[in-house]
Amino acid sequence: MKTAITICLVPEARQGPFVFHATAADGGLAAACRTAAELGFDAVEIFPESAEAFPAAELSRLLAEHGLAVAAVGTGAGWVKQKLHLCDADATVRAQAREFIAGIIDVAGRFGAPAIIGSMQGRWEGDVSRETAFEYLAAALGDLGARAAGHGQVLLYEPLNRYETNLFNRQGDAAAWLESRGLLHVQLLCDLFHMNIEEVDVAAALAAAGRRVGHVHWADSNRQAMGLGHTDARPVVAALRGMGYEGFLSAEVLPLPSALSAARQTILSLRPHTTSV
């Protein structure tokens, strides 16, 4: 398994669960990448404002300079900045959401990384019934997954906790639905923070999702760095090893008590479980 850490490029997400916020005051993207490399992370996970605003040239230079890869690229700014999601009652908004995500898929693909659909999945409410929302979601994931496959990547779909979506909250439900819909190019992003809210047994849920697990957000029960909450990481890692998972353990955590201390605690928590640190 490989290690990654999050870098947010969206000012409006300043309070979000990202270790590094690459503003000028924080030293920008360069400082975040340098620190990630110095601490021993294999990769960075990027949360950009949009495909158009993605700093591709700067990031390429920094990755080469520090020996880093891109683990994944988030699409959540489409919701944070523009309130776009895939289950909106307005077909125009749904189309705009797909276009936003497609752009991120293309950017991520050029860096050999998958894109993530989390908050942009939306929810069913108002004029959109539960059944209709799932039809919208399936159609979008099918088309966007095929686009990701064109780059040799999968699309990552993230079940969120009940306070953030009423679509899928548990890994097993999402995995079974993806199978039933034949969505071959979509895998799950299993976020341990959300799982601590929704799953009876986090390790068992991961094992049951099996081959559908494509990415893991390495976060403790309180959305802080692993080791600062009450998650027992040992059975989680055992489950991942048991299924042959070789992907990333990526820290999407709050920068508490500071970004640097959260990053250090994360890499400390990963050392017993990975060969790269």
C-alpha atoms as a PDB file:
ATOM      1  CA  MET A   1       0.000   0.000   0.000  1.00  0.00           C
ATOM      2  CA  LYS A   2       1.076   3.546  -0.750  1.00  0.00           C
ATOM      3  CA  THR A   3       0.754   6.803   1.152  1.00  0.00           C
ATOM      4  CA  ALA A   4      -0.811  10.108   0.144  1.00  0.00           C
ATOM      5  CA  ILE A   5      -1.818  13.408   1.687  1.00  0.00           C
ATOM      6  CA  THR A   6      -4.404  15.996   0.655  1.00  0.00           C
ATOM      7  CA  ILE A   7      -3.759  19.464  -0.773  1.00  0.00           C
ATOM      8  CA  CYS A   8      -6.683  21.865  -1.168  1.00  0.00           C
ATOM      9  CA  LEU A   9      -6.525  24.633  -3.788  1.00  0.00           C
ATOM     10  CA  VAL A  10     -10.040  25.979  -3.090  1.00  0.00           C
ATOM     11  CA  PRO A  11     -10.221  29.038  -0.808  1.00  0.00           C
ATOM     12  CA  GLU A  12     -13.924  28.401  -0.107  1.00  0.00           C
ATOM     13  CA  ALA A  13     -13.000  24.997   1.374  1.00  0.00           C
ATOM     14  CA  ARG A  14     -10.637  26.483   3.931  1.00  0.00           C
ATOM     15  CA  GLN A  15     -12.511  24.781   6.765  1.00  0.00           C
ATOM     16  CA  GLY A  16     -12.579  21.419   4.996  1.00  0.00           C
ATOM     17  CA  PRO A  17     -10.752  18.225   5.967  1.00  0.00           C
ATOM     18  CA  PHE A  18      -7.568  18.806   4.000  1.00  0.00           C
ATOM     19  CA  VAL A  19      -4.115  18.717   5.549  1.00  0.00           C
ATOM     20  CA  PHE A  20      -2.560  21.375   3.344  1.00  0.00           C
ATOM     21  CA  HIS A  21      -4.287  24.490   2.007  1.00  0.00           C
ATOM     22  CA  ALA A  22      -2.087  25.848  -0.747  1.00  0.00           C
ATOM     23  CA  THR A  23      -2.697  29.575  -0.342  1.00  0.00           C
ATOM     24  CA  ALA A  24       0.019  32.184  -0.602  1.00  0.00           C
ATOM     25  CA  ALA A  25      -0.015  32.543   3.178  1.00  0.00           C
ATOM     26  CA  ASP A  26       0.679  28.817   3.524  1.00  0.00           C
ATOM     27  CA  GLY A  27       3.530  28.854   1.027  1.00  0.00           C
ATOM     28  CA  GLY A  28       1.431  27.655  -1.893  1.00  0.00           C
ATOM     29  CA  LEU A  29       1.508  24.339  -3.706  1.00  0.00           C
ATOM     30  CA  ALA A  30       5.297  24.266  -3.653  1.00  0.00           C
ATOM     31  CA  ALA A  31       5.481  24.262   0.146  1.00  0.00           C
ATOM     32  CA  ALA A  32       2.831  21.551   0.426  1.00  0.00           C
ATOM     33  CA  CYS A  33       4.597  19.255  -2.034  1.00  0.00           C
ATOM     34  CA  ARG A  34       7.974  19.859  -0.429  1.00  0.00           C
ATOM     35  CA  THR A  35       6.671  19.006   3.027  1.00  0.00           C
ATOM     36  CA  ALA A  36       4.848  15.907   1.753  1.00  0.00           C
ATOM     37  CA  ALA A  37       8.048  14.633   0.184  1.00  0.00           C
ATOM     38  CA  GLU A  38      10.202  15.467   3.195  1.00  0.00           C
ATOM     39  CA  LEU A  39       7.888  13.488   5.463  1.00  0.00           C
ATOM     40  CA  GLY A  40       8.013  10.477   3.143  1.00  0.00           C
ATOM     41  CA  PHE A  41       4.621  10.471   1.405  1.00  0.00           C
ATOM     42  CA  ASP A  42       4.427   8.774  -1.977  1.00  0.00           C
ATOM     43  CA  ALA A  43       1.781  11.022  -3.474  1.00  0.00           C
ATOM     44  CA  VAL A  44      -0.539  13.986  -3.114  1.00  0.00           C
ATOM     45  CA  GLU A  45      -4.294  14.096  -3.525  1.00  0.00           C
ATOM     46  CA  ILE A  46      -5.411  17.374  -5.090  1.00  0.00           C
ATOM     47  CA  PHE A  47      -8.670  19.273  -4.518  1.00  0.00           C
ATOM     48  CA  PRO A  48      -8.752  21.896  -7.331  1.00  0.00           C
ATOM     49  CA  GLU A  49     -11.168  24.723  -8.104  1.00  0.00           C
ATOM     50  CA  SER A  50     -11.839  23.362 -11.607  1.00  0.00           C
ATOM     51  CA  ALA A  51     -10.141  21.690 -14.536  1.00  0.00           C
ATOM     52  CA  GLU A  52      -9.483  25.107 -16.071  1.00  0.00           C
ATOM     53  CA  ALA A  53      -7.805  26.390 -12.901  1.00  0.00           C
ATOM     54  CA  PHE A  54      -5.738  23.238 -12.354  1.00  0.00           C
ATOM     55  CA  PRO A  55      -2.031  24.205 -12.051  1.00  0.00           C
ATOM     56  CA  ALA A  56      -0.849  21.413 -14.336  1.00  0.00           C
ATOM     57  CA  ALA A  57       2.515  22.876 -15.328  1.00  0.00           C
ATOM     58  CA  GLU A  58       3.484  23.849 -11.774  1.00  0.00           C
ATOM     59  CA  LEU A  59       2.354  20.533 -10.362  1.00  0.00           C
ATOM     60  CA  SER A  60       4.240  18.545 -13.008  1.00  0.00           C
ATOM     61  CA  ARG A  61       7.416  20.393 -12.114  1.00  0.00           C
ATOM     62  CA  LEU A  62       6.908  19.870  -8.380  1.00  0.00           C
ATOM     63  CA  LEU A  63       6.132  16.165  -8.756  1.00  0.00           C
ATOM     64  CA  ALA A  64       9.315  15.633 -10.745  1.00  0.00           C
ATOM     65  CA  GLU A  65      11.361  17.698  -8.299  1.00  0.00           C
ATOM     66  CA  HIS A  66      10.137  15.826  -5.221  1.00  0.00           C
ATOM     67  CA  GLY A  67       9.529  12.327  -6.595  1.00  0.00           C
ATOM     68  CA  LEU A  68       5.786  12.416  -5.918  1.00  0.00           C
ATOM     69  CA  ALA A  69       2.776  11.065  -7.790  1.00  0.00           C
ATOM     70  CA  VAL A  70      -0.860  12.167  -7.875  1.00  0.00           C
ATOM     71  CA  ALA A  71      -3.046   9.724  -5.959  1.00  0.00           C
ATOM     72  CA  ALA A  72      -6.424  11.192  -6.961  1.00  0.00           C
ATOM     73  CA  VAL A  73      -8.150  14.453  -7.861  1.00  0.00           C
ATOM     74  CA  GLY A  74     -11.335  15.630  -6.158  1.00  0.00           C
ATOM     75  CA  THR A  75     -14.371  17.196  -7.828  1.00  0.00           C
ATOM     76  CA  GLY A  76     -15.989  18.654  -4.715  1.00  0.00           C
ATOM     77  CA  ALA A  77     -15.389  22.277  -5.720  1.00  0.00           C
ATOM     78  CA  GLY A  78     -18.204  21.838  -8.219  1.00  0.00           C
ATOM     79  CA  TRP A  79     -20.537  21.622  -5.220  1.00  0.00           C
ATOM     80  CA  VAL A  80     -18.679  23.988  -2.888  1.00  0.00           C
ATOM     81  CA  LYS A  81     -18.323  26.802  -5.424  1.00  0.00           C
ATOM     82  CA  GLN A  82     -21.186  26.243  -7.885  1.00  0.00           C
ATOM     83  CA  LYS A  83     -23.716  24.004  -6.083  1.00  0.00           C
ATOM     84  CA  LEU A  84     -23.650  21.497  -8.931  1.00  0.00           C
ATOM     85  CA  HIS A  85     -24.623  17.875  -8.351  1.00  0.00           C
ATOM     86  CA  LEU A  86     -25.628  14.845 -10.390  1.00  0.00           C
ATOM     87  CA  CYS A  87     -29.143  14.425  -8.975  1.00  0.00           C
ATOM     88  CA  ASP A  88     -30.439  17.970  -9.415  1.00  0.00           C
ATOM     89  CA  ALA A  89     -34.024  18.276 -10.632  1.00  0.00           C
ATOM     90  CA  ASP A  90     -32.850  20.651 -13.385  1.00  0.00           C
ATOM     91  CA  ALA A  91     -31.424  18.790 -16.383  1.00  0.00           C
ATOM     92  CA  THR A  92     -29.250  21.797 -17.232  1.00  0.00           C
ATOM     93  CA  VAL A  93     -27.630  21.701 -13.799  1.00  0.00           C
ATOM     94  CA  ARG A  94     -27.073  17.943 -14.080  1.00  0.00           C
ATOM     95  CA  ALA A  95     -25.391  18.468 -17.448  1.00  0.00           C
ATOM     96  CA  GLN A  96     -23.181  21.195 -15.983  1.00  0.00           C
ATOM     97  CA  ALA A  97     -22.227  18.874 -13.123  1.00  0.00           C
ATOM     98  CA  ARG A  98     -21.226  16.154 -15.582  1.00  0.00           C
ATOM     99  CA  GLU A  99     -19.201  18.628 -17.616  1.00  0.00           C
ATOM    100  CA  PHE A 100     -17.370  19.839 -14.512  1.00  0.00           C
ATOM    101  CA  ILE A 101     -16.530  16.277 -13.467  1.00  0.00           C
ATOM    102  CA  ALA A 102     -15.516  15.300 -17.004  1.00  0.00           C
ATOM    103  CA  GLY A 103     -12.971  18.109 -17.017  1.00  0.00           C
ATOM    104  CA  ILE A 104     -11.479  16.876 -13.749  1.00  0.00           C
ATOM    105  CA  ILE A 105     -11.376  13.315 -15.093  1.00  0.00           C
ATOM    106  CA  ASP A 106      -9.373  14.513 -18.093  1.00  0.00           C
ATOM    107  CA  VAL A 107      -6.928  16.493 -15.947  1.00  0.00           C
ATOM    108  CA  ALA A 108      -6.496  13.631 -13.486  1.00  0.00           C
ATOM    109  CA  GLY A 109      -6.041  11.166 -16.322  1.00  0.00           C
ATOM    110  CA  ARG A 110      -3.111  13.157 -17.680  1.00  0.00           C
ATOM    111  CA  PHE A 111      -1.444  12.665 -14.302  1.00  0.00           C
ATOM    112  CA  GLY A 112      -2.237   8.944 -14.221  1.00  0.00           C
ATOM    113  CA  ALA A 113      -4.800   9.399 -11.456  1.00  0.00           C
ATOM    114  CA  PRO A 114      -8.518   8.790 -10.894  1.00  0.00           C
ATOM    115  CA  ALA A 115     -11.117  11.462 -10.155  1.00  0.00           C
ATOM    116  CA  ILE A 116     -13.364  11.341  -7.088  1.00  0.00           C
ATOM    117  CA  ILE A 117     -17.117  11.888  -6.924  1.00  0.00           C
ATOM    118  CA  GLY A 118     -18.115  12.668  -3.347  1.00  0.00           C
ATOM    119  CA  SER A 119     -20.258  15.704  -2.580  1.00  0.00           C
ATOM    120  CA  MET A 120     -21.161  16.170  -6.245  1.00  0.00           C
ATOM    121  CA  GLN A 121     -23.247  12.998  -6.163  1.00  0.00           C
ATOM    122  CA  GLY A 122     -26.014  15.023  -4.510  1.00  0.00           C
ATOM    123  CA  ARG A 123     -29.161  13.616  -2.907  1.00  0.00           C
ATOM    124  CA  TRP A 124     -32.801  12.867  -3.601  1.00  0.00           C
ATOM    125  CA  GLU A 125     -35.241  15.483  -2.417  1.00  0.00           C
ATOM    126  CA  GLY A 126     -38.126  17.687  -3.572  1.00  0.00           C
ATOM    127  CA  ASP A 127     -39.218  16.833  -7.099  1.00  0.00           C
ATOM    128  CA  VAL A 128     -36.572  14.105  -7.409  1.00  0.00           C
ATOM    129  CA  SER A 129     -37.683  10.769  -5.969  1.00  0.00           C
ATOM    130  CA  ARG A 130     -35.262   8.221  -4.581  1.00  0.00           C
ATOM    131  CA  GLU A 131     -35.718   5.988  -7.626  1.00  0.00           C
ATOM    132  CA  THR A 132     -35.185   8.872 -10.031  1.00  0.00           C
ATOM    133  CA  ALA A 133     -32.047  10.000  -8.211  1.00  0.00           C
ATOM    134  CA  PHE A 134     -30.520   6.556  -8.560  1.00  0.00           C
ATOM    135  CA  GLU A 135     -31.323   6.561 -12.274  1.00  0.00           C
ATOM    136  CA  TYR A 136     -29.602   9.922 -12.647  1.00  0.00           C
ATOM    137  CA  LEU A 137     -26.621   8.670 -10.654  1.00  0.00           C
ATOM    138  CA  ALA A 138     -26.294   5.438 -12.619  1.00  0.00           C
ATOM    139  CA  ALA A 139     -26.409   7.236 -15.955  1.00  0.00           C
ATOM    140  CA  ALA A 140     -23.807   9.763 -14.850  1.00  0.00           C
ATOM    141  CA  LEU A 141     -21.445   7.179 -13.350  1.00  0.00           C
ATOM    142  CA  GLY A 142     -21.748   5.053 -16.468  1.00  0.00           C
ATOM    143  CA  ASP A 143     -20.791   7.869 -18.827  1.00  0.00           C
ATOM    144  CA  LEU A 144     -18.136   9.368 -16.578  1.00  0.00           C
ATOM    145  CA  GLY A 145     -16.680   5.965 -15.749  1.00  0.00           C
ATOM    146  CA  ALA A 146     -16.274   5.289 -19.465  1.00  0.00           C
ATOM    147  CA  ARG A 147     -14.488   8.618 -19.821  1.00  0.00           C
ATOM    148  CA  ALA A 148     -12.113   7.669 -17.010  1.00  0.00           C
ATOM    149  CA  ALA A 149     -11.476   4.316 -18.672  1.00  0.00           C
ATOM    150  CA  GLY A 150     -10.374   6.210 -21.769  1.00  0.00           C
ATOM    151  CA  HIS A 151      -7.467   7.461 -19.668  1.00  0.00           C
ATOM    152  CA  GLY A 152      -6.779   3.994 -18.286  1.00  0.00           C
ATOM    153  CA  GLN A 153      -8.330   4.969 -14.956  1.00  0.00           C
ATOM    154  CA  VAL A 154     -11.334   4.125 -12.839  1.00  0.00           C
ATOM    155  CA  LEU A 155     -13.810   6.631 -11.426  1.00  0.00           C
ATOM    156  CA  LEU A 156     -13.942   6.740  -7.637  1.00  0.00           C
ATOM    157  CA  TYR A 157     -17.378   6.959  -6.026  1.00  0.00           C
ATOM    158  CA  GLU A 158     -17.449   7.834  -2.326  1.00  0.00           C
ATOM    159  CA  PRO A 159     -20.346   6.798  -0.055  1.00  0.00           C
ATOM    160  CA  LEU A 160     -20.803   9.617   2.445  1.00  0.00           C
ATOM    161  CA  ASN A 161     -22.375   9.643   5.879  1.00  0.00           C
ATOM    162  CA  ARG A 162     -26.099  10.224   6.368  1.00  0.00           C
ATOM    163  CA  TYR A 163     -25.629  13.920   7.150  1.00  0.00           C
ATOM    164  CA  GLU A 164     -24.110  14.576   3.709  1.00  0.00           C
ATOM    165  CA  THR A 165     -26.159  12.392   1.364  1.00  0.00           C
ATOM    166  CA  ASN A 166     -29.205  10.121   1.404  1.00  0.00           C
ATOM    167  CA  LEU A 167     -27.964   8.021  -1.529  1.00  0.00           C
ATOM    168  CA  PHE A 168     -25.376   5.486  -0.356  1.00  0.00           C
ATOM    169  CA  ASN A 169     -23.959   5.600   3.159  1.00  0.00           C
ATOM    170  CA  ARG A 170     -22.524   2.060   3.459  1.00  0.00           C
ATOM    171  CA  GLN A 171     -19.897   0.400   1.342  1.00  0.00           C
ATOM    172  CA  GLY A 172     -21.720  -2.890   0.910  1.00  0.00           C
ATOM    173  CA  ASP A 173     -24.877  -1.236  -0.395  1.00  0.00           C
ATOM    174  CA  ALA A 174     -22.887   0.855  -2.849  1.00  0.00           C
ATOM    175  CA  ALA A 175     -20.784  -2.097  -4.023  1.00  0.00           C
ATOM    176  CA  ALA A 176     -23.842  -4.274  -4.628  1.00  0.00           C
ATOM    177  CA  TRP A 177     -25.555  -1.482  -6.559  1.00  0.00           C
ATOM    178  CA  LEU A 178     -22.503  -0.870  -8.757  1.00  0.00           C
ATOM    179  CA  GLU A 179     -22.430  -4.582  -9.551  1.00  0.00           C
ATOM    180  CA  SER A 180     -26.146  -4.686 -10.325  1.00  0.00           C
ATOM    181  CA  ARG A 181     -25.800  -1.741 -12.704  1.00  0.00           C
ATOM    182  CA  GLY A 182     -22.765  -3.192 -14.444  1.00  0.00           C
ATOM    183  CA  LEU A 183     -20.669  -0.111 -13.686  1.00  0.00           C
ATOM    184  CA  LEU A 184     -17.348  -1.778 -14.391  1.00  0.00           C
ATOM    185  CA  HIS A 185     -15.228   1.374 -14.439  1.00  0.00           C
ATOM    186  CA  VAL A 186     -16.372   2.670 -11.045  1.00  0.00           C
ATOM    187  CA  GLN A 187     -14.723   1.729  -7.768  1.00  0.00           C
ATOM    188  CA  LEU A 188     -15.348   2.822  -4.206  1.00  0.00           C
ATOM    189  CA  LEU A 189     -13.507   5.430  -2.253  1.00  0.00           C
ATOM    190  CA  CYS A 190     -13.804   4.073   1.275  1.00  0.00           C
ATOM    191  CA  ASP A 191     -13.434   6.929   3.749  1.00  0.00           C
ATOM    192  CA  LEU A 192     -12.770   5.657   7.259  1.00  0.00           C
ATOM    193  CA  PHE A 193     -14.345   8.733   8.860  1.00  0.00           C
ATOM    194  CA  HIS A 194     -17.675   8.181   7.093  1.00  0.00           C
ATOM    195  CA  MET A 195     -17.401   4.449   7.718  1.00  0.00           C
ATOM    196  CA  ASN A 196     -16.975   4.998  11.467  1.00  0.00           C
ATOM    197  CA  ILE A 197     -20.375   6.707  11.430  1.00  0.00           C
ATOM    198  CA  GLU A 198     -22.233   4.242   9.227  1.00  0.00           C
ATOM    199  CA  GLU A 199     -20.663   0.780   9.453  1.00  0.00           C
ATOM    200  CA  VAL A 200     -21.122  -1.719  12.271  1.00  0.00           C
ATOM    201  CA  ASP A 201     -17.654  -3.133  11.583  1.00  0.00           C
ATOM    202  CA  VAL A 202     -15.321  -1.057   9.399  1.00  0.00           C
ATOM    203  CA  ALA A 203     -12.898  -3.881   8.639  1.00  0.00           C
ATOM    204  CA  ALA A 204     -15.699  -6.303   7.744  1.00  0.00           C
ATOM    205  CA  ALA A 205     -17.292  -3.703   5.476  1.00  0.00           C
ATOM    206  CA  LEU A 206     -14.020  -3.250   3.617  1.00  0.00           C
ATOM    207  CA  ALA A 207     -13.552  -6.990   3.237  1.00  0.00           C
ATOM    208  CA  ALA A 208     -17.101  -7.371   1.921  1.00  0.00           C
ATOM    209  CA  ALA A 209     -16.583  -4.600  -0.662  1.00  0.00           C
ATOM    210  CA  GLY A 210     -13.531  -6.525  -1.865  1.00  0.00           C
ATOM    211  CA  ARG A 211     -12.463  -5.781  -5.419  1.00  0.00           C
ATOM    212  CA  ARG A 212     -14.630  -2.668  -5.523  1.00  0.00           C
ATOM    213  CA  VAL A 213     -12.292  -0.855  -3.116  1.00  0.00           C
ATOM    214  CA  GLY A 214     -10.271   1.567  -5.227  1.00  0.00           C
ATOM    215  CA  HIS A 215      -9.023   4.172  -2.753  1.00  0.00           C
ATOM    216  CA  VAL A 216      -8.994   4.688   1.014  1.00  0.00           C
ATOM    217  CA  HIS A 217      -9.185   7.911   2.981  1.00  0.00           C
ATOM    218  CA  TRP A 218      -7.028   7.327   6.059  1.00  0.00           C
ATOM    219  CA  ALA A 219      -8.812   9.319   8.767  1.00  0.00           C
ATOM    220  CA  ASP A 220      -9.636   8.733  12.413  1.00  0.00           C
ATOM    221  CA  SER A 221     -13.141   8.715  13.881  1.00  0.00           C
ATOM    222  CA  ASN A 222     -13.022  12.465  14.618  1.00  0.00           C
ATOM    223  CA  ARG A 223     -11.694  13.404  11.140  1.00  0.00           C
ATOM    224  CA  GLN A 224      -8.284  14.094  12.619  1.00  0.00           C
ATOM    225  CA  ALA A 225      -5.074  12.251  11.783  1.00  0.00           C
ATOM    226  CA  MET A 226      -5.113   8.532  12.505  1.00  0.00           C
ATOM    227  CA  GLY A 227      -4.179   7.941  16.120  1.00  0.00           C
ATOM    228  CA  LEU A 228      -5.943  11.045  17.414  1.00  0.00           C
ATOM    229  CA  GLY A 229      -9.380   9.424  17.630  1.00  0.00           C
ATOM    230  CA  HIS A 230     -10.633   5.973  18.610  1.00  0.00           C
ATOM    231  CA  THR A 231     -10.203   3.983  15.385  1.00  0.00           C
ATOM    232  CA  ASP A 232      -8.216   0.770  15.685  1.00  0.00           C
ATOM    233  CA  ALA A 233      -6.225   0.747  12.458  1.00  0.00           C
ATOM    234  CA  ARG A 234      -4.959  -2.821  12.820  1.00  0.00           C
ATOM    235  CA  PRO A 235      -8.101  -4.716  11.695  1.00  0.00           C
ATOM    236  CA  VAL A 236      -8.618  -2.167   8.915  1.00  0.00           C
ATOM    237  CA  VAL A 237      -5.155  -2.821   7.516  1.00  0.00           C
ATOM    238  CA  ALA A 238      -5.570  -6.562   7.975  1.00  0.00           C
ATOM    239  CA  ALA A 239      -8.765  -6.464   5.911  1.00  0.00           C
ATOM    240  CA  LEU A 240      -7.083  -4.453   3.155  1.00  0.00           C
ATOM    241  CA  ARG A 241      -4.111  -6.804   3.078  1.00  0.00           C
ATOM    242  CA  GLY A 242      -6.446  -9.784   3.049  1.00  0.00           C
ATOM    243  CA  MET A 243      -8.150  -8.549  -0.121  1.00  0.00           C
ATOM    244  CA  GLY A 244      -4.821  -7.736  -1.782  1.00  0.00           C
ATOM    245  CA  TYR A 245      -5.399  -3.985  -1.795  1.00  0.00           C
ATOM    246  CA  GLU A 246      -2.338  -2.177  -3.178  1.00  0.00           C
ATOM    247  CA  GLY A 247      -3.741   1.335  -3.564  1.00  0.00           C
ATOM    248  CA  PHE A 248      -3.352   4.504  -1.544  1.00  0.00           C
ATOM    249  CA  LEU A 249      -4.018   5.275   2.083  1.00  0.00           C
ATOM    250  CA  SER A 250      -4.652   8.991   1.720  1.00  0.00           C
ATOM    251  CA  ALA A 251      -4.974  11.411   4.623  1.00  0.00           C
ATOM    252  CA  GLU A 252      -8.122  13.492   4.187  1.00  0.00           C
ATOM    253  CA  VAL A 253      -8.064  14.932   7.692  1.00  0.00           C
ATOM    254  CA  LEU A 254      -8.386  18.240   9.480  1.00  0.00           C
ATOM    255  CA  PRO A 255      -5.113  20.167   9.880  1.00  0.00           C
ATOM    256  CA  LEU A 256      -5.218  19.903  13.660  1.00  0.00           C
ATOM    257  CA  PRO A 257      -3.560  20.966  15.806  1.00  0.00           C
ATOM    258  CA  SER A 258      -1.644  22.229  12.752  1.00  0.00           C
ATOM    259  CA  ALA A 259      -1.111  21.072   9.189  1.00  0.00           C
ATOM    260  CA  LEU A 260       2.454  19.975   9.900  1.00  0.00           C
ATOM    261  CA  SER A 261       1.558  18.070  13.066  1.00  0.00           C
ATOM    262  CA  ALA A 262      -1.372  16.364  11.293  1.00  0.00           C
ATOM    263  CA  ALA A 263       0.946  15.332   8.468  1.00  0.00           C
ATOM    264  CA  ARG A 264       3.564  14.030  10.891  1.00  0.00           C
ATOM    265  CA  GLN A 265       1.000  12.086  12.895  1.00  0.00           C
ATOM    266  CA  THR A 266      -0.384  10.603   9.686  1.00  0.00           C
ATOM    267  CA  ILE A 267       2.966   9.329   8.441  1.00  0.00           C
ATOM    268  CA  LEU A 268       3.722   7.992  11.922  1.00  0.00           C
ATOM    269  CA  SER A 269       0.441   6.072  11.868  1.00  0.00           C
ATOM    270  CA  LEU A 270       1.218   4.656   8.422  1.00  0.00           C
ATOM    271  CA  ARG A 271       4.745   3.403   9.086  1.00  0.00           C
ATOM    272  CA  PRO A 272       3.707   0.062  10.616  1.00  0.00           C
ATOM    273  CA  HIS A 273       1.423  -0.702   7.671  1.00  0.00           C
ATOM    274  CA  THR A 274       3.229   0.344   4.514  1.00  0.00           C
ATOM    275  CA  THR A 275       6.564  -0.452   2.949  1.00  0.00           C
ATOM    276  CA  SER A 276       7.166   3.032   1.572  1.00  0.00           C
ATOM    277  CA  VAL A 277       7.678   4.983   4.815  1.00  0.00           C
END
